[in-house]
Amino acid sequence: FALYFLSHIPITALIDLQPLLPAGIVPQALTDLLQQYATAFRDPMMLQPPEWFKAFIYCEAFLQLPFFPVAAYAFLKGGCRWIRTPAIIYSTHVATTLFAILAHILFHDFSKSEHAGPQTLRERLVLLSIYLPYLLIPLLLLFTMLCNPHYKHVEKRKRK
């Protein structure tokens, strides 16, 4: 989990947040990288995000990004039971947003998009495969936080 959260910091800061930033702020090399990704994987949401997708990016910027170093620290250090509740909140939030994104990829008619979107089932599945780890890892995190005995520690109350 530490590697997941550590890797998410630069991905979010350098790539995912680009649609929210004014033109000219992002270095051209990063803009080109996003353009190449969106073209190669037919992901128009990253170039011209629908409003609901922008809302998810704002959540990523203001809720998830500050959590990434905290979570990375907790999992690198190990034994941090305090990460349980924040990790449950994070994982359920991300899983919920990813269900909407994956449904959009599978069922939306991209033929009217300004930027090329997936048209064939194969193209949809390829794009789906890019987003799927961001659903599966949070679900694994949620399962771990709920089922692993280490994180299910119940504090004993002192009797007066």
C-alpha atoms as a PDB file:
ATOM      1  CA  PHE A   1       0.000   0.000   0.000  1.00  0.00           C
ATOM      2  CA  ALA A   2       2.909   2.365   0.703  1.00  0.00           C
ATOM      3  CA  LEU A   3       4.095   2.085  -2.915  1.00  0.00           C
ATOM      4  CA  TYR A   4       0.571   2.760  -4.187  1.00  0.00           C
ATOM      5  CA  PHE A   5       0.284   5.959  -2.130  1.00  0.00           C
ATOM      6  CA  LEU A   6       3.843   7.116  -2.873  1.00  0.00           C
ATOM      7  CA  SER A   7       3.353   6.630  -6.615  1.00  0.00           C
ATOM      8  CA  HIS A   8       0.033   8.429  -6.488  1.00  0.00           C
ATOM      9  CA  ILE A   9       1.607  11.706  -5.308  1.00  0.00           C
ATOM     10  CA  PRO A  10       3.462  12.589  -8.547  1.00  0.00           C
ATOM     11  CA  ILE A  11       0.735  11.095 -10.763  1.00  0.00           C
ATOM     12  CA  THR A  12      -1.896  13.274  -9.122  1.00  0.00           C
ATOM     13  CA  ALA A  13       0.225  16.428  -8.872  1.00  0.00           C
ATOM     14  CA  LEU A  14       1.727  16.287 -12.367  1.00  0.00           C
ATOM     15  CA  ILE A  15      -0.948  14.582 -14.491  1.00  0.00           C
ATOM     16  CA  ASP A  16      -4.373  14.249 -12.900  1.00  0.00           C
ATOM     17  CA  LEU A  17      -4.714  17.864 -11.769  1.00  0.00           C
ATOM     18  CA  GLN A  18      -3.878  19.369 -15.184  1.00  0.00           C
ATOM     19  CA  PRO A  19      -7.526  19.767 -16.291  1.00  0.00           C
ATOM     20  CA  LEU A  20      -8.135  22.061 -13.301  1.00  0.00           C
ATOM     21  CA  LEU A  21      -5.158  24.353 -13.870  1.00  0.00           C
ATOM     22  CA  PRO A  22      -5.107  27.439 -16.099  1.00  0.00           C
ATOM     23  CA  ALA A  23      -3.389  27.031 -19.460  1.00  0.00           C
ATOM     24  CA  GLY A  24       0.295  27.891 -19.417  1.00  0.00           C
ATOM     25  CA  ILE A  25       0.959  26.937 -15.795  1.00  0.00           C
ATOM     26  CA  VAL A  26       1.840  23.324 -16.531  1.00  0.00           C
ATOM     27  CA  PRO A  27       5.199  22.706 -18.228  1.00  0.00           C
ATOM     28  CA  GLN A  28       4.811  21.802 -21.899  1.00  0.00           C
ATOM     29  CA  ALA A  29       6.451  18.398 -21.404  1.00  0.00           C
ATOM     30  CA  LEU A  30       3.730  17.406 -18.904  1.00  0.00           C
ATOM     31  CA  THR A  31       0.981  18.786 -21.137  1.00  0.00           C
ATOM     32  CA  ASP A  32       2.406  16.751 -24.018  1.00  0.00           C
ATOM     33  CA  LEU A  33       2.554  13.645 -21.825  1.00  0.00           C
ATOM     34  CA  LEU A  34      -1.122  14.016 -20.925  1.00  0.00           C
ATOM     35  CA  GLN A  35      -2.016  14.595 -24.582  1.00  0.00           C
ATOM     36  CA  GLN A  36      -0.066  11.478 -25.648  1.00  0.00           C
ATOM     37  CA  TYR A  37      -1.764   9.408 -22.956  1.00  0.00           C
ATOM     38  CA  ALA A  38      -5.251  10.666 -23.878  1.00  0.00           C
ATOM     39  CA  THR A  39      -4.634   9.985 -27.569  1.00  0.00           C
ATOM     40  CA  ALA A  40      -3.046   6.557 -27.089  1.00  0.00           C
ATOM     41  CA  PHE A  41      -5.722   5.298 -24.688  1.00  0.00           C
ATOM     42  CA  ARG A  42      -8.624   7.319 -26.101  1.00  0.00           C
ATOM     43  CA  ASP A  43      -9.385   9.062 -22.821  1.00  0.00           C
ATOM     44  CA  PRO A  44     -11.171  12.328 -23.616  1.00  0.00           C
ATOM     45  CA  MET A  45     -12.135  12.782 -19.968  1.00  0.00           C
ATOM     46  CA  MET A  46      -8.605  13.911 -19.132  1.00  0.00           C
ATOM     47  CA  LEU A  47      -8.522  16.512 -21.918  1.00  0.00           C
ATOM     48  CA  GLN A  48     -12.060  17.843 -21.627  1.00  0.00           C
ATOM     49  CA  PRO A  49     -13.549  16.471 -18.416  1.00  0.00           C
ATOM     50  CA  PRO A  50     -17.305  16.508 -17.897  1.00  0.00           C
ATOM     51  CA  GLU A  51     -18.344  18.540 -14.836  1.00  0.00           C
ATOM     52  CA  TRP A  52     -18.935  15.427 -12.703  1.00  0.00           C
ATOM     53  CA  PHE A  53     -15.413  14.213 -13.581  1.00  0.00           C
ATOM     54  CA  LYS A  54     -13.978  17.630 -12.627  1.00  0.00           C
ATOM     55  CA  ALA A  55     -15.693  17.249  -9.259  1.00  0.00           C
ATOM     56  CA  PHE A  56     -13.828  13.965  -8.786  1.00  0.00           C
ATOM     57  CA  ILE A  57     -10.549  15.694  -9.718  1.00  0.00           C
ATOM     58  CA  TYR A  58     -11.251  18.399  -7.106  1.00  0.00           C
ATOM     59  CA  CYS A  59     -11.800  15.626  -4.547  1.00  0.00           C
ATOM     60  CA  GLU A  60      -8.508  14.098  -5.621  1.00  0.00           C
ATOM     61  CA  ALA A  61      -6.756  17.456  -5.207  1.00  0.00           C
ATOM     62  CA  PHE A  62      -8.184  18.513  -1.860  1.00  0.00           C
ATOM     63  CA  LEU A  63      -9.055  15.248  -0.103  1.00  0.00           C
ATOM     64  CA  GLN A  64      -6.908  12.494  -1.552  1.00  0.00           C
ATOM     65  CA  LEU A  65      -3.604  14.256  -2.330  1.00  0.00           C
ATOM     66  CA  PRO A  66      -3.107  15.439   1.289  1.00  0.00           C
ATOM     67  CA  PHE A  67      -3.892  11.896   2.452  1.00  0.00           C
ATOM     68  CA  PHE A  68      -1.307  10.201   0.194  1.00  0.00           C
ATOM     69  CA  PRO A  69       1.834  11.116   2.189  1.00  0.00           C
ATOM     70  CA  VAL A  70       0.056  10.351   5.477  1.00  0.00           C
ATOM     71  CA  ALA A  71      -0.982   6.915   4.234  1.00  0.00           C
ATOM     72  CA  ALA A  72       2.424   6.260   2.673  1.00  0.00           C
ATOM     73  CA  TYR A  73       4.054   7.070   6.018  1.00  0.00           C
ATOM     74  CA  ALA A  74       1.654   4.817   7.938  1.00  0.00           C
ATOM     75  CA  PHE A  75       2.211   1.838   5.653  1.00  0.00           C
ATOM     76  CA  LEU A  76       5.978   2.364   5.364  1.00  0.00           C
ATOM     77  CA  LYS A  77       6.323   2.600   9.136  1.00  0.00           C
ATOM     78  CA  GLY A  78       3.958  -0.307   9.704  1.00  0.00           C
ATOM     79  CA  GLY A  79       1.960  -1.052  12.806  1.00  0.00           C
ATOM     80  CA  CYS A  80      -0.027   2.198  12.591  1.00  0.00           C
ATOM     81  CA  ARG A  81      -3.510   1.188  13.655  1.00  0.00           C
ATOM     82  CA  TRP A  82      -4.681   4.815  13.490  1.00  0.00           C
ATOM     83  CA  ILE A  83      -4.689   4.582   9.670  1.00  0.00           C
ATOM     84  CA  ARG A  84      -7.719   2.257   9.747  1.00  0.00           C
ATOM     85  CA  THR A  85     -10.529   4.838   9.796  1.00  0.00           C
ATOM     86  CA  PRO A  86      -8.892   7.269   7.314  1.00  0.00           C
ATOM     87  CA  ALA A  87      -8.089   4.337   5.006  1.00  0.00           C
ATOM     88  CA  ILE A  88     -11.698   3.111   5.156  1.00  0.00           C
ATOM     89  CA  ILE A  89     -12.948   6.602   4.299  1.00  0.00           C
ATOM     90  CA  TYR A  90     -10.414   6.956   1.470  1.00  0.00           C
ATOM     91  CA  SER A  91     -11.062   3.535  -0.031  1.00  0.00           C
ATOM     92  CA  THR A  92     -14.854   3.818   0.020  1.00  0.00           C
ATOM     93  CA  HIS A  93     -14.687   7.303  -1.512  1.00  0.00           C
ATOM     94  CA  VAL A  94     -12.346   6.213  -4.303  1.00  0.00           C
ATOM     95  CA  ALA A  95     -14.266   3.014  -5.019  1.00  0.00           C
ATOM     96  CA  THR A  96     -17.481   5.010  -5.325  1.00  0.00           C
ATOM     97  CA  THR A  97     -15.946   7.490  -7.772  1.00  0.00           C
ATOM     98  CA  LEU A  98     -14.339   4.706  -9.797  1.00  0.00           C
ATOM     99  CA  PHE A  99     -17.649   2.880 -10.237  1.00  0.00           C
ATOM    100  CA  ALA A 100     -19.037   6.024 -11.899  1.00  0.00           C
ATOM    101  CA  ILE A 101     -15.945   6.455 -14.085  1.00  0.00           C
ATOM    102  CA  LEU A 102     -15.908   2.804 -15.166  1.00  0.00           C
ATOM    103  CA  ALA A 103     -19.634   2.900 -15.983  1.00  0.00           C
ATOM    104  CA  HIS A 104     -19.025   6.029 -18.070  1.00  0.00           C
ATOM    105  CA  ILE A 105     -16.213   4.310 -19.957  1.00  0.00           C
ATOM    106  CA  LEU A 106     -18.347   1.251 -20.635  1.00  0.00           C
ATOM    107  CA  PHE A 107     -21.655   2.889 -21.552  1.00  0.00           C
ATOM    108  CA  HIS A 108     -21.143   6.494 -22.683  1.00  0.00           C
ATOM    109  CA  ASP A 109     -21.497   7.413 -26.357  1.00  0.00           C
ATOM    110  CA  PHE A 110     -18.138   9.063 -27.074  1.00  0.00           C
ATOM    111  CA  SER A 111     -18.931   9.646 -30.763  1.00  0.00           C
ATOM    112  CA  LYS A 112     -19.842  13.278 -30.027  1.00  0.00           C
ATOM    113  CA  SER A 113     -16.754  14.015 -27.909  1.00  0.00           C
ATOM    114  CA  GLU A 114     -14.415  16.727 -29.131  1.00  0.00           C
ATOM    115  CA  HIS A 115     -11.460  14.459 -28.370  1.00  0.00           C
ATOM    116  CA  ALA A 116     -11.354  10.837 -29.524  1.00  0.00           C
ATOM    117  CA  GLY A 117     -12.933   8.458 -27.061  1.00  0.00           C
ATOM    118  CA  PRO A 118     -13.215   4.689 -27.081  1.00  0.00           C
ATOM    119  CA  GLN A 119     -15.539   3.393 -29.778  1.00  0.00           C
ATOM    120  CA  THR A 120     -15.029  -0.356 -29.845  1.00  0.00           C
ATOM    121  CA  LEU A 121     -15.357  -2.772 -26.957  1.00  0.00           C
ATOM    122  CA  ARG A 122     -11.616  -3.411 -27.159  1.00  0.00           C
ATOM    123  CA  GLU A 123     -10.844   0.319 -26.833  1.00  0.00           C
ATOM    124  CA  ARG A 124     -13.245   0.591 -23.890  1.00  0.00           C
ATOM    125  CA  LEU A 125     -11.603  -2.391 -22.185  1.00  0.00           C
ATOM    126  CA  VAL A 126      -8.125  -0.945 -22.735  1.00  0.00           C
ATOM    127  CA  LEU A 127      -9.185   2.356 -21.138  1.00  0.00           C
ATOM    128  CA  LEU A 128     -10.965   0.438 -18.409  1.00  0.00           C
ATOM    129  CA  SER A 129      -7.721  -1.422 -17.669  1.00  0.00           C
ATOM    130  CA  ILE A 130      -5.989   1.918 -17.004  1.00  0.00           C
ATOM    131  CA  TYR A 131      -8.569   2.923 -14.383  1.00  0.00           C
ATOM    132  CA  LEU A 132      -9.264  -0.525 -12.893  1.00  0.00           C
ATOM    133  CA  PRO A 133      -6.232  -0.685 -10.557  1.00  0.00           C
ATOM    134  CA  TYR A 134      -7.486   2.512  -8.923  1.00  0.00           C
ATOM    135  CA  LEU A 135     -10.620   0.583  -7.991  1.00  0.00           C
ATOM    136  CA  LEU A 136      -9.025  -2.754  -7.112  1.00  0.00           C
ATOM    137  CA  ILE A 137      -6.289  -1.436  -4.813  1.00  0.00           C
ATOM    138  CA  PRO A 138      -8.696   0.687  -2.723  1.00  0.00           C
ATOM    139  CA  LEU A 139     -11.045  -2.321  -2.489  1.00  0.00           C
ATOM    140  CA  LEU A 140      -8.123  -4.451  -1.297  1.00  0.00           C
ATOM    141  CA  LEU A 141      -7.251  -1.701   1.190  1.00  0.00           C
ATOM    142  CA  LEU A 142     -10.855  -1.620   2.423  1.00  0.00           C
ATOM    143  CA  PHE A 143     -10.909  -5.407   2.781  1.00  0.00           C
ATOM    144  CA  THR A 144      -7.612  -5.281   4.700  1.00  0.00           C
ATOM    145  CA  MET A 145      -8.820  -2.554   7.059  1.00  0.00           C
ATOM    146  CA  LEU A 146     -12.091  -4.384   7.754  1.00  0.00           C
ATOM    147  CA  CYS A 147     -10.822  -7.972   7.994  1.00  0.00           C
ATOM    148  CA  ASN A 148      -7.193  -7.959   9.097  1.00  0.00           C
ATOM    149  CA  PRO A 149      -7.056  -8.619  12.865  1.00  0.00           C
ATOM    150  CA  HIS A 150      -4.198  -6.133  13.260  1.00  0.00           C
ATOM    151  CA  TYR A 151      -6.462  -3.253  12.206  1.00  0.00           C
ATOM    152  CA  LYS A 152      -9.525  -4.514  14.085  1.00  0.00           C
ATOM    153  CA  HIS A 153      -7.930  -3.799  17.436  1.00  0.00           C
ATOM    154  CA  VAL A 154     -10.530  -2.829  20.008  1.00  0.00           C
ATOM    155  CA  GLU A 155      -9.347  -0.460  22.695  1.00  0.00           C
ATOM    156  CA  LYS A 156     -10.088  -1.478  26.249  1.00  0.00           C
ATOM    157  CA  ARG A 157     -11.792   1.188  28.321  1.00  0.00           C
ATOM    158  CA  LYS A 158     -10.520   1.892  31.782  1.00  0.00           C
ATOM    159  CA  ARG A 159     -12.987   1.346  34.596  1.00  0.00           C
ATOM    160  CA  LYS A 160     -13.353   4.126  37.106  1.00  0.00           C
END
